[in-house]
Amino acid sequence: MRNRKTELVLTAVQLARLGEELDTARAELKRLAESGAAYDSEKMKTALQTCQALDLRWNALEQKYLAQKNSVTGESKA
């Protein structure tokens, strides 16, 4: 059980760090849009791809975290 709780905490830390990366990427995308960068420019395309990739990773990690959380909380109730 302790091992699962440790894994849960480590996944939560990873999720927080990835969330910070995603926020930074979104801010860069917003900055580019507000500065008038062309939507078909390489900078804009790269920023969008970065946001999308980070968002996919965040969603997958969130699902892993939720599954781990359910495993730990379900286990402690038994």
Protein backbone atom coordinates (compact mmCIF):
# COMPACT_ATOMS: atom_id res chain seq x y z
CA MET A 1 0.00 0.00 0.00
CA ARG A 2 2.78 2.44 0.91
CA ASN A 3 4.36 1.81 -2.47
CA ARG A 4 1.13 2.77 -4.26
CA LYS A 5 0.83 5.94 -2.20
CA THR A 6 4.40 6.87 -3.09
CA GLU A 7 3.66 6.27 -6.77
CA LEU A 8 0.54 8.41 -6.45
CA VAL A 9 2.52 11.29 -4.95
CA LEU A 10 5.23 11.02 -7.61
CA THR A 11 2.62 11.04 -10.36
CA ALA A 12 1.00 14.10 -8.79
CA VAL A 13 4.37 15.87 -8.83
CA GLN A 14 4.86 14.95 -12.49
CA LEU A 15 1.35 16.21 -13.24
CA ALA A 16 2.06 19.54 -11.55
CA ARG A 17 5.32 20.00 -13.44
CA LEU A 18 3.71 19.09 -16.74
CA GLY A 19 0.88 21.50 -15.98
CA GLU A 20 3.42 24.29 -15.50
CA GLU A 21 5.03 23.44 -18.84
CA LEU A 22 1.60 23.48 -20.49
CA ASP A 23 0.75 26.85 -18.95
CA THR A 24 4.03 28.27 -20.23
CA ALA A 25 3.40 26.90 -23.72
CA ARG A 26 -0.13 28.33 -23.75
CA ALA A 27 1.19 31.71 -22.64
CA GLU A 28 3.71 31.68 -25.50
CA LEU A 29 0.98 30.79 -27.99
CA LYS A 30 -1.18 33.62 -26.65
CA ARG A 31 1.76 36.03 -26.77
CA LEU A 32 2.40 35.17 -30.40
CA ALA A 33 -1.27 35.59 -31.31
CA GLU A 34 -1.54 38.91 -29.52
CA SER A 35 1.66 40.21 -31.09
CA GLY A 36 0.16 39.69 -34.54
CA ALA A 37 2.16 36.67 -35.63
CA ALA A 38 0.71 35.08 -38.74
CA TYR A 39 -1.26 31.95 -37.93
CA ASP A 40 0.58 30.04 -40.66
CA SER A 41 4.05 31.15 -39.51
CA GLU A 42 6.53 28.52 -38.35
CA LYS A 43 6.66 30.05 -34.86
CA MET A 44 2.89 29.84 -34.50
CA LYS A 45 2.75 26.29 -35.88
CA THR A 46 5.52 25.17 -33.55
CA ALA A 47 3.88 26.83 -30.54
CA LEU A 48 0.54 25.19 -31.36
CA GLN A 49 2.12 21.76 -31.84
CA THR A 50 3.94 22.14 -28.53
CA CYS A 51 0.67 23.02 -26.76
CA GLN A 52 -1.17 20.11 -28.32
CA ALA A 53 1.57 17.62 -27.47
CA LEU A 54 1.78 18.81 -23.87
CA ASP A 55 -2.01 18.73 -23.57
CA LEU A 56 -2.10 15.12 -24.75
CA ARG A 57 0.64 14.16 -22.29
CA TRP A 58 -1.14 15.99 -19.46
CA ASN A 59 -4.45 14.28 -20.18
CA ALA A 60 -2.81 10.84 -20.27
CA LEU A 61 -0.93 11.49 -17.04
CA GLU A 62 -4.10 12.80 -15.40
CA GLN A 63 -5.89 9.55 -16.28
CA LYS A 64 -2.99 7.57 -14.80
CA TYR A 65 -3.14 9.67 -11.64
CA LEU A 66 -6.89 9.20 -11.28
CA ALA A 67 -6.57 5.44 -11.76
CA GLN A 68 -3.82 5.30 -9.13
CA LYS A 69 -5.89 7.43 -6.78
CA ASN A 70 -8.90 5.16 -7.18
CA SER A 71 -6.68 2.15 -6.54
CA VAL A 72 -5.27 3.63 -3.35
CA THR A 73 -8.57 4.95 -1.99
CA GLY A 74 -10.42 1.76 -2.90
CA GLU A 75 -7.73 -0.28 -1.23
CA SER A 76 -7.82 1.74 1.99
CA LYS A 77 -11.60 1.28 2.31
CA ALA A 78 -11.35 -2.49 2.15
